[in-house]
């Protein structure tokens, strides 16, 4: 079954939200975080989108003030300083991220819908993958981003689909 936990994993924003908020796919997301040998990689964009979404849930009464404060406290701990036991690593990028994102939008935008955030998440994975000895898996439930991953031959996993698909992440 799952026999290699050395894969590097990148969470887009909807995957990160599932870790902190119970919804479809939450159990699979929590299993990934528990099984991973490395902190899950996220980008600065992921954090900005995450906070914006969590605050939107609060404004629309999908989260109480107490739940909001708890999530913000937990994410602050989970992305803590280097050297601490943290679950998530915010990967910093050079300006190459914008060039890559721009090129993805030009390449795919005339044929299919590709949001600027989706292109940036995929660009993050593509740029990180160039420097890794093992493969990278992008975790997302976003339909447009999954389609883009398929076109760019990026391994991806949808936590809303099935538990057995976790093997895809951990098998070379």
C-alpha atoms as a PDB file:
ATOM      1  CA  UNK A   1       0.000   0.000   0.000  1.00  0.00           C
ATOM      2  CA  UNK A   2       1.595   3.300   1.050  1.00  0.00           C
ATOM      3  CA  UNK A   3       5.285   2.506   1.147  1.00  0.00           C
ATOM      4  CA  UNK A   4       7.114   5.769   0.440  1.00  0.00           C
ATOM      5  CA  UNK A   5       6.432   8.879   2.482  1.00  0.00           C
ATOM      6  CA  UNK A   6       9.262  10.878   0.919  1.00  0.00           C
ATOM      7  CA  UNK A   7       7.110  12.670  -1.650  1.00  0.00           C
ATOM      8  CA  UNK A   8       6.987  16.438  -1.403  1.00  0.00           C
ATOM      9  CA  UNK A   9       3.494  17.831  -1.262  1.00  0.00           C
ATOM     10  CA  UNK A  10       2.126  21.241  -2.174  1.00  0.00           C
ATOM     11  CA  UNK A  11      -1.268  22.385  -0.909  1.00  0.00           C
ATOM     12  CA  UNK A  12      -3.231  24.989  -2.798  1.00  0.00           C
ATOM     13  CA  UNK A  13      -5.616  27.134  -0.781  1.00  0.00           C
ATOM     14  CA  UNK A  14      -8.636  24.840  -0.867  1.00  0.00           C
ATOM     15  CA  UNK A  15      -6.503  21.944   0.390  1.00  0.00           C
ATOM     16  CA  UNK A  16      -5.170  24.065   3.252  1.00  0.00           C
ATOM     17  CA  UNK A  17      -8.682  25.179   4.205  1.00  0.00           C
ATOM     18  CA  UNK A  18      -9.778  21.538   4.432  1.00  0.00           C
ATOM     19  CA  UNK A  19      -7.107  20.949   7.081  1.00  0.00           C
ATOM     20  CA  UNK A  20      -8.645  23.553   9.389  1.00  0.00           C
ATOM     21  CA  UNK A  21     -12.323  23.273   8.508  1.00  0.00           C
ATOM     22  CA  UNK A  22     -14.428  20.128   8.344  1.00  0.00           C
ATOM     23  CA  UNK A  23     -15.690  19.596   4.815  1.00  0.00           C
ATOM     24  CA  UNK A  24     -15.514  17.003   2.048  1.00  0.00           C
ATOM     25  CA  UNK A  25     -11.918  15.735   1.849  1.00  0.00           C
ATOM     26  CA  UNK A  26     -10.828  16.884   5.317  1.00  0.00           C
ATOM     27  CA  UNK A  27      -9.937  13.365   6.536  1.00  0.00           C
ATOM     28  CA  UNK A  28      -7.749  12.725   3.483  1.00  0.00           C
ATOM     29  CA  UNK A  29      -5.989  16.075   3.952  1.00  0.00           C
ATOM     30  CA  UNK A  30      -5.299  15.335   7.612  1.00  0.00           C
ATOM     31  CA  UNK A  31      -3.942  11.887   6.677  1.00  0.00           C
ATOM     32  CA  UNK A  32      -1.563  13.463   4.177  1.00  0.00           C
ATOM     33  CA  UNK A  33      -0.231  15.897   6.795  1.00  0.00           C
ATOM     34  CA  UNK A  34       0.171  13.075   9.331  1.00  0.00           C
ATOM     35  CA  UNK A  35       1.962  10.721   6.914  1.00  0.00           C
ATOM     36  CA  UNK A  36       4.255  13.240   5.235  1.00  0.00           C
ATOM     37  CA  UNK A  37       7.957  13.044   6.044  1.00  0.00           C
ATOM     38  CA  UNK A  38       8.328  16.739   5.203  1.00  0.00           C
ATOM     39  CA  UNK A  39       6.356  19.843   6.067  1.00  0.00           C
ATOM     40  CA  UNK A  40       3.685  20.421   3.440  1.00  0.00           C
ATOM     41  CA  UNK A  41       4.761  23.167   1.043  1.00  0.00           C
ATOM     42  CA  UNK A  42       2.556  26.208   0.625  1.00  0.00           C
ATOM     43  CA  UNK A  43       3.255  29.597  -0.928  1.00  0.00           C
ATOM     44  CA  UNK A  44       2.797  33.131   0.393  1.00  0.00           C
ATOM     45  CA  UNK A  45      -0.187  33.294  -1.989  1.00  0.00           C
ATOM     46  CA  UNK A  46      -1.744  30.309  -0.204  1.00  0.00           C
ATOM     47  CA  UNK A  47      -1.627  32.110   3.144  1.00  0.00           C
ATOM     48  CA  UNK A  48      -3.087  35.329   1.740  1.00  0.00           C
ATOM     49  CA  UNK A  49      -5.923  33.433   0.019  1.00  0.00           C
ATOM     50  CA  UNK A  50      -6.450  31.296   3.133  1.00  0.00           C
ATOM     51  CA  UNK A  51      -6.885  34.290   5.455  1.00  0.00           C
ATOM     52  CA  UNK A  52      -9.189  35.981   2.941  1.00  0.00           C
ATOM     53  CA  UNK A  53     -11.362  32.866   2.691  1.00  0.00           C
ATOM     54  CA  UNK A  54     -11.473  32.267   6.441  1.00  0.00           C
ATOM     55  CA  UNK A  55     -12.554  35.873   7.000  1.00  0.00           C
ATOM     56  CA  UNK A  56     -15.218  35.478   4.281  1.00  0.00           C
ATOM     57  CA  UNK A  57     -16.537  32.398   6.127  1.00  0.00           C
ATOM     58  CA  UNK A  58     -16.677  34.493   9.298  1.00  0.00           C
ATOM     59  CA  UNK A  59     -18.486  37.406   7.598  1.00  0.00           C
ATOM     60  CA  UNK A  60     -21.039  34.996   6.125  1.00  0.00           C
ATOM     61  CA  UNK A  61     -21.615  33.399   9.576  1.00  0.00           C
ATOM     62  CA  UNK A  62     -20.089  30.052   8.542  1.00  0.00           C
ATOM     63  CA  UNK A  63     -17.537  30.499  11.347  1.00  0.00           C
ATOM     64  CA  UNK A  64     -18.019  31.954  14.809  1.00  0.00           C
ATOM     65  CA  UNK A  65     -15.575  34.496  16.276  1.00  0.00           C
ATOM     66  CA  UNK A  66     -14.194  31.733  18.497  1.00  0.00           C
ATOM     67  CA  UNK A  67     -13.668  29.392  15.515  1.00  0.00           C
ATOM     68  CA  UNK A  68     -12.016  32.191  13.528  1.00  0.00           C
ATOM     69  CA  UNK A  69      -9.597  32.973  16.367  1.00  0.00           C
ATOM     70  CA  UNK A  70      -8.820  29.284  16.841  1.00  0.00           C
ATOM     71  CA  UNK A  71      -8.017  28.772  13.141  1.00  0.00           C
ATOM     72  CA  UNK A  72      -5.789  31.849  13.015  1.00  0.00           C
ATOM     73  CA  UNK A  73      -3.937  30.701  16.156  1.00  0.00           C
ATOM     74  CA  UNK A  74      -3.504  27.155  14.758  1.00  0.00           C
ATOM     75  CA  UNK A  75      -2.213  28.305  11.351  1.00  0.00           C
ATOM     76  CA  UNK A  76       0.246  30.639  13.073  1.00  0.00           C
ATOM     77  CA  UNK A  77       1.654  27.688  15.030  1.00  0.00           C
ATOM     78  CA  UNK A  78       1.628  25.362  12.013  1.00  0.00           C
ATOM     79  CA  UNK A  79       3.695  27.771   9.884  1.00  0.00           C
ATOM     80  CA  UNK A  80       5.942  28.655  12.833  1.00  0.00           C
ATOM     81  CA  UNK A  81       9.593  29.652  12.647  1.00  0.00           C
ATOM     82  CA  UNK A  82      12.230  27.424  11.055  1.00  0.00           C
ATOM     83  CA  UNK A  83      13.533  24.927  13.570  1.00  0.00           C
ATOM     84  CA  UNK A  84      10.160  24.349  15.171  1.00  0.00           C
ATOM     85  CA  UNK A  85       7.869  21.377  14.606  1.00  0.00           C
ATOM     86  CA  UNK A  86       5.732  22.893  11.913  1.00  0.00           C
ATOM     87  CA  UNK A  87       3.298  21.261   9.552  1.00  0.00           C
ATOM     88  CA  UNK A  88       3.615  23.748   6.692  1.00  0.00           C
ATOM     89  CA  UNK A  89       6.577  25.386   5.012  1.00  0.00           C
ATOM     90  CA  UNK A  90       5.995  28.674   3.194  1.00  0.00           C
ATOM     91  CA  UNK A  91       8.223  28.472   0.147  1.00  0.00           C
ATOM     92  CA  UNK A  92       9.533  31.845  -1.003  1.00  0.00           C
ATOM     93  CA  UNK A  93       9.836  32.465  -4.736  1.00  0.00           C
ATOM     94  CA  UNK A  94      11.786  34.753  -6.996  1.00  0.00           C
ATOM     95  CA  UNK A  95      10.193  36.834  -9.716  1.00  0.00           C
ATOM     96  CA  UNK A  96      10.387  33.727 -11.942  1.00  0.00           C
ATOM     97  CA  UNK A  97       6.990  32.810 -10.510  1.00  0.00           C
ATOM     98  CA  UNK A  98       5.380  35.691 -12.389  1.00  0.00           C
ATOM     99  CA  UNK A  99       7.063  34.823 -15.684  1.00  0.00           C
ATOM    100  CA  UNK A 100       6.039  31.187 -15.339  1.00  0.00           C
ATOM    101  CA  UNK A 101       2.473  32.145 -14.421  1.00  0.00           C
ATOM    102  CA  UNK A 102       2.275  34.578 -17.335  1.00  0.00           C
ATOM    103  CA  UNK A 103       3.494  31.878 -19.729  1.00  0.00           C
ATOM    104  CA  UNK A 104       0.963  29.338 -18.419  1.00  0.00           C
ATOM    105  CA  UNK A 105      -1.882  31.799 -18.925  1.00  0.00           C
ATOM    106  CA  UNK A 106      -0.717  32.536 -22.477  1.00  0.00           C
ATOM    107  CA  UNK A 107      -0.306  28.828 -23.240  1.00  0.00           C
ATOM    108  CA  UNK A 108      -3.679  27.663 -21.878  1.00  0.00           C
ATOM    109  CA  UNK A 109      -5.898  30.732 -21.459  1.00  0.00           C
ATOM    110  CA  UNK A 110      -7.285  30.857 -25.002  1.00  0.00           C
ATOM    111  CA  UNK A 111      -8.581  27.282 -24.710  1.00  0.00           C
ATOM    112  CA  UNK A 112      -9.710  26.972 -21.082  1.00  0.00           C
ATOM    113  CA  UNK A 113     -10.384  29.064 -18.045  1.00  0.00           C
ATOM    114  CA  UNK A 114      -7.224  29.604 -16.035  1.00  0.00           C
ATOM    115  CA  UNK A 115      -7.258  31.949 -13.077  1.00  0.00           C
ATOM    116  CA  UNK A 116      -4.222  33.950 -12.108  1.00  0.00           C
ATOM    117  CA  UNK A 117      -4.101  32.254  -8.688  1.00  0.00           C
ATOM    118  CA  UNK A 118      -4.320  28.793 -10.275  1.00  0.00           C
ATOM    119  CA  UNK A 119      -1.491  29.649 -12.662  1.00  0.00           C
ATOM    120  CA  UNK A 120       0.611  30.854  -9.737  1.00  0.00           C
ATOM    121  CA  UNK A 121      -0.020  27.704  -7.669  1.00  0.00           C
ATOM    122  CA  UNK A 122       0.954  25.531 -10.626  1.00  0.00           C
ATOM    123  CA  UNK A 123       3.999  27.696 -11.324  1.00  0.00           C
ATOM    124  CA  UNK A 124       5.084  27.239  -7.703  1.00  0.00           C
ATOM    125  CA  UNK A 125       4.961  23.470  -8.119  1.00  0.00           C
ATOM    126  CA  UNK A 126       6.769  23.556 -11.468  1.00  0.00           C
ATOM    127  CA  UNK A 127       9.559  25.750 -10.090  1.00  0.00           C
ATOM    128  CA  UNK A 128       9.958  23.684  -6.903  1.00  0.00           C
ATOM    129  CA  UNK A 129       9.955  20.400  -8.829  1.00  0.00           C
ATOM    130  CA  UNK A 130      13.035  21.490 -10.779  1.00  0.00           C
ATOM    131  CA  UNK A 131      15.047  21.416  -7.527  1.00  0.00           C
ATOM    132  CA  UNK A 132      13.775  18.226  -5.895  1.00  0.00           C
ATOM    133  CA  UNK A 133      15.274  14.734  -5.882  1.00  0.00           C
ATOM    134  CA  UNK A 134      11.775  13.233  -5.436  1.00  0.00           C
ATOM    135  CA  UNK A 135       8.502  14.017  -7.127  1.00  0.00           C
ATOM    136  CA  UNK A 136       6.045  16.723  -6.089  1.00  0.00           C
ATOM    137  CA  UNK A 137       2.291  16.297  -5.756  1.00  0.00           C
ATOM    138  CA  UNK A 138      -0.098  19.232  -5.984  1.00  0.00           C
ATOM    139  CA  UNK A 139      -3.129  18.697  -3.744  1.00  0.00           C
ATOM    140  CA  UNK A 140      -6.272  20.480  -4.917  1.00  0.00           C
ATOM    141  CA  UNK A 141      -9.990  20.007  -5.462  1.00  0.00           C
ATOM    142  CA  UNK A 142     -10.158  22.891  -7.928  1.00  0.00           C
ATOM    143  CA  UNK A 143     -11.449  21.523 -11.251  1.00  0.00           C
ATOM    144  CA  UNK A 144      -9.685  24.107 -13.447  1.00  0.00           C
ATOM    145  CA  UNK A 145      -6.371  23.593 -11.645  1.00  0.00           C
ATOM    146  CA  UNK A 146      -6.656  19.796 -11.924  1.00  0.00           C
ATOM    147  CA  UNK A 147      -7.214  20.136 -15.684  1.00  0.00           C
ATOM    148  CA  UNK A 148      -4.189  22.409 -15.934  1.00  0.00           C
ATOM    149  CA  UNK A 149      -2.109  19.880 -13.981  1.00  0.00           C
ATOM    150  CA  UNK A 150      -3.100  17.171 -16.450  1.00  0.00           C
ATOM    151  CA  UNK A 151      -2.095  19.368 -19.401  1.00  0.00           C
ATOM    152  CA  UNK A 152       1.263  20.161 -17.782  1.00  0.00           C
ATOM    153  CA  UNK A 153       1.811  16.540 -16.619  1.00  0.00           C
ATOM    154  CA  UNK A 154       1.962  17.531 -12.951  1.00  0.00           C
ATOM    155  CA  UNK A 155       1.018  14.814 -10.454  1.00  0.00           C
ATOM    156  CA  UNK A 156      -2.026  15.958  -8.512  1.00  0.00           C
ATOM    157  CA  UNK A 157      -4.424  14.563  -5.968  1.00  0.00           C
ATOM    158  CA  UNK A 158      -8.033  15.500  -5.246  1.00  0.00           C
ATOM    159  CA  UNK A 159      -8.790  14.859  -1.554  1.00  0.00           C
ATOM    160  CA  UNK A 160     -12.523  14.888  -2.268  1.00  0.00           C
ATOM    161  CA  UNK A 161     -12.345  11.826  -4.514  1.00  0.00           C
ATOM    162  CA  UNK A 162     -11.100   8.735  -2.683  1.00  0.00           C
ATOM    163  CA  UNK A 163      -8.955   7.506   0.168  1.00  0.00           C
ATOM    164  CA  UNK A 164      -7.179   4.867  -1.921  1.00  0.00           C
ATOM    165  CA  UNK A 165      -5.900   7.622  -4.203  1.00  0.00           C
ATOM    166  CA  UNK A 166      -3.460   8.562  -1.431  1.00  0.00           C
ATOM    167  CA  UNK A 167      -1.252   5.816  -2.885  1.00  0.00           C
ATOM    168  CA  UNK A 168      -0.673   8.134  -5.848  1.00  0.00           C
ATOM    169  CA  UNK A 169       1.122  10.548  -3.544  1.00  0.00           C
ATOM    170  CA  UNK A 170       3.351   8.064  -1.799  1.00  0.00           C
ATOM    171  CA  UNK A 171       4.343   5.678  -4.563  1.00  0.00           C
ATOM    172  CA  UNK A 172       7.157   6.612  -6.949  1.00  0.00           C
END
